[in-house]
Amino acid sequence: MNDATDSVLGDGLVYEAALPLRWRVPDSAGDEGSVQAIHQRSLGFLHTLLCLGEHRSEPAEEEAAHRGAELVRIDAKLNLLLDLVGRFLVHQEALPTPVPLRLGARGLEWTERDGPSPDSSELLVELFLDAEIPRPLELLTRLRSRKTGPDGLVTVQVHFELLDEDLEDALERYIFREHRRSIARQRRAGS
């Protein structure tokens, strides 16, 4: 990793994967109402992913203390189900092609054939974090770098714009969980 990439992605852990990604220029750049709506959808989605990914490993005597948390997880699952059905009915489309990417708490880097125009400044990036859930994490970004390599592929770096503290925290928790899972998979493969 180089210093330019470090500054775009942030100082913490980085999640590397090949995931479906789509981007577009936002309809109304900087519109506070739409920014809040995008952040709320993204925060709810990350919370749901984190809840769905938890493994129940608490001892039986602690079960009563965690019933409230279990109800919250069930509620999140039901909300996700309703949202997914609604989105399915609205637009039935295939997921974008996965691209190699690096996700940090403050930015994102990916490589693809085309990439945004160098004139694009603000982008809405839709990142599909779970193949079983065809719902994207939506992130408002600012283009920091766009470089075409000798192979003709474009490497794009974007910095997250107007990310509130709750959304940044949920994103960091997701990245940490995926980083842990990646290490566990590597250990299993090595043994």
C-alpha atoms as a PDB file:
ATOM      1  CA  MET A   1       0.000   0.000   0.000  1.00  0.00           C
ATOM      2  CA  ASN A   2       1.314   3.477  -0.798  1.00  0.00           C
ATOM      3  CA  ASP A   3       0.836   6.766   1.041  1.00  0.00           C
ATOM      4  CA  ALA A   4      -1.692   8.117  -1.491  1.00  0.00           C
ATOM      5  CA  THR A   5      -3.877   5.037  -1.078  1.00  0.00           C
ATOM      6  CA  ASP A   6      -3.496   5.184   2.715  1.00  0.00           C
ATOM      7  CA  SER A   7      -4.774   8.757   2.827  1.00  0.00           C
ATOM      8  CA  VAL A   8      -7.842   7.937   0.685  1.00  0.00           C
ATOM      9  CA  LEU A   9      -8.817   4.718   2.487  1.00  0.00           C
ATOM     10  CA  GLY A  10      -8.074   5.941   6.014  1.00  0.00           C
ATOM     11  CA  ASP A  11      -5.663   4.804   8.701  1.00  0.00           C
ATOM     12  CA  GLY A  12      -7.455   1.638   9.854  1.00  0.00           C
ATOM     13  CA  LEU A  13      -8.008  -1.807   8.423  1.00  0.00           C
ATOM     14  CA  VAL A  14      -8.741  -2.303   4.733  1.00  0.00           C
ATOM     15  CA  TYR A  15     -11.100  -4.948   3.341  1.00  0.00           C
ATOM     16  CA  GLU A  16      -9.954  -6.390   0.006  1.00  0.00           C
ATOM     17  CA  ALA A  17     -12.381  -8.377  -2.140  1.00  0.00           C
ATOM     18  CA  ALA A  18     -13.987  -8.697  -5.549  1.00  0.00           C
ATOM     19  CA  LEU A  19     -17.542  -7.375  -5.174  1.00  0.00           C
ATOM     20  CA  PRO A  20     -20.263  -6.092  -7.481  1.00  0.00           C
ATOM     21  CA  LEU A  21     -20.001  -2.315  -7.704  1.00  0.00           C
ATOM     22  CA  ARG A  22     -21.909   0.331  -9.611  1.00  0.00           C
ATOM     23  CA  TRP A  23     -21.430   4.081  -9.623  1.00  0.00           C
ATOM     24  CA  ARG A  24     -23.238   7.101 -11.012  1.00  0.00           C
ATOM     25  CA  VAL A  25     -23.226  10.860 -10.716  1.00  0.00           C
ATOM     26  CA  PRO A  26     -25.778  11.745  -8.003  1.00  0.00           C
ATOM     27  CA  ASP A  27     -29.026  13.402  -9.073  1.00  0.00           C
ATOM     28  CA  SER A  28     -28.678  16.394  -6.762  1.00  0.00           C
ATOM     29  CA  ALA A  29     -25.132  16.786  -5.458  1.00  0.00           C
ATOM     30  CA  GLY A  30     -25.036  18.028  -1.893  1.00  0.00           C
ATOM     31  CA  ASP A  31     -28.817  17.991  -1.336  1.00  0.00           C
ATOM     32  CA  GLU A  32     -28.995  17.605   2.446  1.00  0.00           C
ATOM     33  CA  GLY A  33     -32.297  15.669   2.397  1.00  0.00           C
ATOM     34  CA  SER A  34     -31.003  13.068  -0.013  1.00  0.00           C
ATOM     35  CA  VAL A  35     -27.675  12.851   1.848  1.00  0.00           C
ATOM     36  CA  GLN A  36     -29.530  12.057   5.083  1.00  0.00           C
ATOM     37  CA  ALA A  37     -31.749   9.508   3.323  1.00  0.00           C
ATOM     38  CA  ILE A  38     -28.730   7.780   1.751  1.00  0.00           C
ATOM     39  CA  HIS A  39     -26.914   7.683   5.099  1.00  0.00           C
ATOM     40  CA  GLN A  40     -29.966   6.266   6.885  1.00  0.00           C
ATOM     41  CA  ARG A  41     -30.423   3.518   4.273  1.00  0.00           C
ATOM     42  CA  SER A  42     -26.720   2.678   4.404  1.00  0.00           C
ATOM     43  CA  LEU A  43     -26.592   2.670   8.192  1.00  0.00           C
ATOM     44  CA  GLY A  44     -29.661   0.430   8.421  1.00  0.00           C
ATOM     45  CA  PHE A  45     -28.220  -1.926   5.823  1.00  0.00           C
ATOM     46  CA  LEU A  46     -24.843  -2.185   7.608  1.00  0.00           C
ATOM     47  CA  HIS A  47     -26.573  -2.830  10.949  1.00  0.00           C
ATOM     48  CA  THR A  48     -28.631  -5.570   9.323  1.00  0.00           C
ATOM     49  CA  LEU A  49     -25.557  -7.176   7.742  1.00  0.00           C
ATOM     50  CA  LEU A  50     -23.741  -7.093  11.065  1.00  0.00           C
ATOM     51  CA  CYS A  51     -26.747  -8.647  12.847  1.00  0.00           C
ATOM     52  CA  LEU A  52     -27.163 -11.352  10.224  1.00  0.00           C
ATOM     53  CA  GLY A  53     -23.464 -12.176  10.415  1.00  0.00           C
ATOM     54  CA  GLU A  54     -23.357 -12.682  14.155  1.00  0.00           C
ATOM     55  CA  HIS A  55     -22.856 -16.202  15.406  1.00  0.00           C
ATOM     56  CA  ARG A  56     -24.754 -17.123  18.525  1.00  0.00           C
ATOM     57  CA  SER A  57     -22.158 -18.523  20.899  1.00  0.00           C
ATOM     58  CA  GLU A  58     -23.303 -17.223  24.282  1.00  0.00           C
ATOM     59  CA  PRO A  59     -23.634 -19.701  27.152  1.00  0.00           C
ATOM     60  CA  ALA A  60     -27.192 -20.828  28.022  1.00  0.00           C
ATOM     61  CA  GLU A  61     -27.259 -18.893  31.349  1.00  0.00           C
ATOM     62  CA  GLU A  62     -26.722 -15.621  29.479  1.00  0.00           C
ATOM     63  CA  GLU A  63     -29.594 -16.346  27.081  1.00  0.00           C
ATOM     64  CA  ALA A  64     -32.216 -14.472  29.123  1.00  0.00           C
ATOM     65  CA  ALA A  65     -30.043 -11.338  29.160  1.00  0.00           C
ATOM     66  CA  HIS A  66     -29.780 -11.404  25.380  1.00  0.00           C
ATOM     67  CA  ARG A  67     -33.462 -11.867  24.517  1.00  0.00           C
ATOM     68  CA  GLY A  68     -33.827  -8.128  23.927  1.00  0.00           C
ATOM     69  CA  ALA A  69     -30.915  -8.198  21.497  1.00  0.00           C
ATOM     70  CA  GLU A  70     -32.456 -11.204  19.756  1.00  0.00           C
ATOM     71  CA  LEU A  71     -35.712  -9.294  19.229  1.00  0.00           C
ATOM     72  CA  VAL A  72     -33.733  -6.429  17.699  1.00  0.00           C
ATOM     73  CA  ARG A  73     -32.047  -8.893  15.302  1.00  0.00           C
ATOM     74  CA  ILE A  74     -35.414 -10.424  14.332  1.00  0.00           C
ATOM     75  CA  ASP A  75     -36.831  -6.942  13.741  1.00  0.00           C
ATOM     76  CA  ALA A  76     -33.826  -6.067  11.540  1.00  0.00           C
ATOM     77  CA  LYS A  77     -34.304  -9.267   9.538  1.00  0.00           C
ATOM     78  CA  LEU A  78     -37.991  -8.535   8.988  1.00  0.00           C
ATOM     79  CA  ASN A  79     -37.217  -4.957   7.944  1.00  0.00           C
ATOM     80  CA  LEU A  80     -34.622  -6.234   5.496  1.00  0.00           C
ATOM     81  CA  LEU A  81     -37.080  -8.775   4.078  1.00  0.00           C
ATOM     82  CA  LEU A  82     -39.733  -6.113   3.527  1.00  0.00           C
ATOM     83  CA  ASP A  83     -37.204  -3.768   1.945  1.00  0.00           C
ATOM     84  CA  LEU A  84     -35.838  -6.488  -0.343  1.00  0.00           C
ATOM     85  CA  VAL A  85     -39.298  -7.518  -1.529  1.00  0.00           C
ATOM     86  CA  GLY A  86     -40.137  -3.892  -2.217  1.00  0.00           C
ATOM     87  CA  ARG A  87     -36.926  -3.322  -4.158  1.00  0.00           C
ATOM     88  CA  PHE A  88     -37.427  -6.585  -6.059  1.00  0.00           C
ATOM     89  CA  LEU A  89     -40.839  -5.500  -7.219  1.00  0.00           C
ATOM     90  CA  VAL A  90     -39.623  -2.035  -8.208  1.00  0.00           C
ATOM     91  CA  HIS A  91     -36.640  -3.052 -10.310  1.00  0.00           C
ATOM     92  CA  GLN A  92     -35.594  -6.535 -11.192  1.00  0.00           C
ATOM     93  CA  GLU A  93     -32.060  -6.227 -12.416  1.00  0.00           C
ATOM     94  CA  ALA A  94     -28.898  -8.287 -12.311  1.00  0.00           C
ATOM     95  CA  LEU A  95     -26.006  -7.450 -10.017  1.00  0.00           C
ATOM     96  CA  PRO A  96     -23.091  -5.613 -11.597  1.00  0.00           C
ATOM     97  CA  THR A  97     -19.933  -7.547 -12.447  1.00  0.00           C
ATOM     98  CA  PRO A  98     -17.618  -7.952  -9.427  1.00  0.00           C
ATOM     99  CA  VAL A  99     -14.493  -5.796  -9.481  1.00  0.00           C
ATOM    100  CA  PRO A 100     -11.365  -6.002  -7.320  1.00  0.00           C
ATOM    101  CA  LEU A 101     -11.599  -3.374  -4.621  1.00  0.00           C
ATOM    102  CA  ARG A 102     -10.161  -2.119  -1.363  1.00  0.00           C
ATOM    103  CA  LEU A 103     -12.577  -0.658   1.176  1.00  0.00           C
ATOM    104  CA  GLY A 104     -11.462   1.521   4.081  1.00  0.00           C
ATOM    105  CA  ALA A 105     -13.453   3.526   6.612  1.00  0.00           C
ATOM    106  CA  ARG A 106     -12.856   6.757   4.711  1.00  0.00           C
ATOM    107  CA  GLY A 107     -12.583   5.706   1.081  1.00  0.00           C
ATOM    108  CA  LEU A 108     -12.651   3.083  -1.639  1.00  0.00           C
ATOM    109  CA  GLU A 109     -10.377   1.985  -4.467  1.00  0.00           C
ATOM    110  CA  TRP A 110     -11.416  -0.260  -7.364  1.00  0.00           C
ATOM    111  CA  THR A 111     -10.240  -1.323 -10.799  1.00  0.00           C
ATOM    112  CA  GLU A 112     -12.514  -1.677 -13.828  1.00  0.00           C
ATOM    113  CA  ARG A 113     -12.528  -1.336 -17.614  1.00  0.00           C
ATOM    114  CA  ASP A 114     -13.989   2.160 -17.897  1.00  0.00           C
ATOM    115  CA  GLY A 115     -14.368   4.138 -14.687  1.00  0.00           C
ATOM    116  CA  PRO A 116     -15.879   7.560 -14.202  1.00  0.00           C
ATOM    117  CA  SER A 117     -14.905  10.514 -16.329  1.00  0.00           C
ATOM    118  CA  PRO A 118     -11.959  12.521 -14.961  1.00  0.00           C
ATOM    119  CA  ASP A 119     -14.376  15.471 -14.938  1.00  0.00           C
ATOM    120  CA  SER A 120     -16.678  13.706 -12.468  1.00  0.00           C
ATOM    121  CA  SER A 121     -16.196  15.013  -8.974  1.00  0.00           C
ATOM    122  CA  GLU A 122     -19.047  13.553  -6.923  1.00  0.00           C
ATOM    123  CA  LEU A 123     -20.186   9.954  -7.333  1.00  0.00           C
ATOM    124  CA  LEU A 124     -22.791   7.776  -5.685  1.00  0.00           C
ATOM    125  CA  VAL A 125     -21.179   4.350  -5.308  1.00  0.00           C
ATOM    126  CA  GLU A 126     -23.380   1.297  -4.816  1.00  0.00           C
ATOM    127  CA  LEU A 127     -21.443  -1.594  -3.311  1.00  0.00           C
ATOM    128  CA  PHE A 128     -23.083  -5.026  -3.044  1.00  0.00           C
ATOM    129  CA  LEU A 129     -21.490  -6.517   0.078  1.00  0.00           C
ATOM    130  CA  ASP A 130     -23.424  -9.793   0.193  1.00  0.00           C
ATOM    131  CA  ALA A 131     -24.298 -11.853  -2.900  1.00  0.00           C
ATOM    132  CA  GLU A 132     -27.351 -13.277  -1.120  1.00  0.00           C
ATOM    133  CA  ILE A 133     -28.738  -9.811  -0.452  1.00  0.00           C
ATOM    134  CA  PRO A 134     -29.141  -7.884  -3.706  1.00  0.00           C
ATOM    135  CA  ARG A 135     -29.190  -4.544  -1.919  1.00  0.00           C
ATOM    136  CA  PRO A 136     -26.299  -2.090  -2.187  1.00  0.00           C
ATOM    137  CA  LEU A 137     -24.489  -0.079   0.414  1.00  0.00           C
ATOM    138  CA  GLU A 138     -24.799   3.458  -0.963  1.00  0.00           C
ATOM    139  CA  LEU A 139     -21.929   5.870  -0.380  1.00  0.00           C
ATOM    140  CA  LEU A 140     -21.585   9.470  -1.496  1.00  0.00           C
ATOM    141  CA  THR A 141     -18.002   9.971  -2.645  1.00  0.00           C
ATOM    142  CA  ARG A 142     -15.623  12.477  -4.172  1.00  0.00           C
ATOM    143  CA  LEU A 143     -13.276  11.326  -6.933  1.00  0.00           C
ATOM    144  CA  ARG A 144      -9.647  11.609  -5.774  1.00  0.00           C
ATOM    145  CA  SER A 145      -7.775   9.720  -8.467  1.00  0.00           C
ATOM    146  CA  ARG A 146      -8.388   7.990 -11.791  1.00  0.00           C
ATOM    147  CA  LYS A 147      -5.435   6.276 -13.442  1.00  0.00           C
ATOM    148  CA  THR A 148      -5.348   4.104 -16.547  1.00  0.00           C
ATOM    149  CA  GLY A 149      -2.786   1.297 -16.318  1.00  0.00           C
ATOM    150  CA  PRO A 150      -0.756  -0.218 -19.145  1.00  0.00           C
ATOM    151  CA  ASP A 151      -3.336  -3.038 -19.339  1.00  0.00           C
ATOM    152  CA  GLY A 152      -6.054  -0.481 -20.108  1.00  0.00           C
ATOM    153  CA  LEU A 153      -7.799  -0.984 -16.761  1.00  0.00           C
ATOM    154  CA  VAL A 154      -8.776   2.090 -14.771  1.00  0.00           C
ATOM    155  CA  THR A 155      -7.986   2.335 -11.045  1.00  0.00           C
ATOM    156  CA  VAL A 156     -10.351   4.699  -9.256  1.00  0.00           C
ATOM    157  CA  GLN A 157      -9.929   6.141  -5.776  1.00  0.00           C
ATOM    158  CA  VAL A 158     -12.773   7.921  -4.043  1.00  0.00           C
ATOM    159  CA  HIS A 159     -13.094   9.525  -0.621  1.00  0.00           C
ATOM    160  CA  PHE A 160     -16.372   9.273   1.314  1.00  0.00           C
ATOM    161  CA  GLU A 161     -18.173  12.614   1.569  1.00  0.00           C
ATOM    162  CA  LEU A 162     -20.234  13.867   4.502  1.00  0.00           C
ATOM    163  CA  LEU A 163     -20.009  10.517   6.309  1.00  0.00           C
ATOM    164  CA  ASP A 164     -21.635  10.867   9.716  1.00  0.00           C
ATOM    165  CA  GLU A 165     -20.105   9.299  12.823  1.00  0.00           C
ATOM    166  CA  ASP A 166     -22.650   6.464  13.143  1.00  0.00           C
ATOM    167  CA  LEU A 167     -22.219   5.378   9.532  1.00  0.00           C
ATOM    168  CA  GLU A 168     -18.425   5.544   9.765  1.00  0.00           C
ATOM    169  CA  ASP A 169     -18.528   3.444  12.957  1.00  0.00           C
ATOM    170  CA  ALA A 170     -20.781   0.796  11.357  1.00  0.00           C
ATOM    171  CA  LEU A 171     -18.525   0.703   8.291  1.00  0.00           C
ATOM    172  CA  GLU A 172     -15.438   0.232  10.488  1.00  0.00           C
ATOM    173  CA  ARG A 173     -17.159  -2.629  12.342  1.00  0.00           C
ATOM    174  CA  TYR A 174     -18.090  -4.294   9.044  1.00  0.00           C
ATOM    175  CA  ILE A 175     -14.525  -3.945   7.711  1.00  0.00           C
ATOM    176  CA  PHE A 176     -13.126  -5.345  10.963  1.00  0.00           C
ATOM    177  CA  ARG A 177     -15.468  -8.360  10.792  1.00  0.00           C
ATOM    178  CA  GLU A 178     -14.593  -9.097   7.163  1.00  0.00           C
ATOM    179  CA  HIS A 179     -10.879  -8.682   7.886  1.00  0.00           C
ATOM    180  CA  ARG A 180     -11.186 -11.198  10.757  1.00  0.00           C
ATOM    181  CA  ARG A 181     -13.040 -13.633   8.504  1.00  0.00           C
ATOM    182  CA  SER A 182     -10.377 -13.273   5.822  1.00  0.00           C
ATOM    183  CA  ILE A 183      -7.637 -14.124   8.312  1.00  0.00           C
ATOM    184  CA  ALA A 184      -9.633 -17.147   9.530  1.00  0.00           C
ATOM    185  CA  ARG A 185     -10.069 -18.386   5.943  1.00  0.00           C
ATOM    186  CA  GLN A 186      -6.339 -18.007   5.294  1.00  0.00           C
ATOM    187  CA  ARG A 187      -5.507 -19.962   8.447  1.00  0.00           C
ATOM    188  CA  ARG A 188      -7.904 -22.753   7.506  1.00  0.00           C
ATOM    189  CA  ALA A 189      -6.435 -22.909   4.001  1.00  0.00           C
ATOM    190  CA  GLY A 190      -2.898 -23.021   5.394  1.00  0.00           C
ATOM    191  CA  SER A 191      -3.550 -25.921   7.788  1.00  0.00           C
END
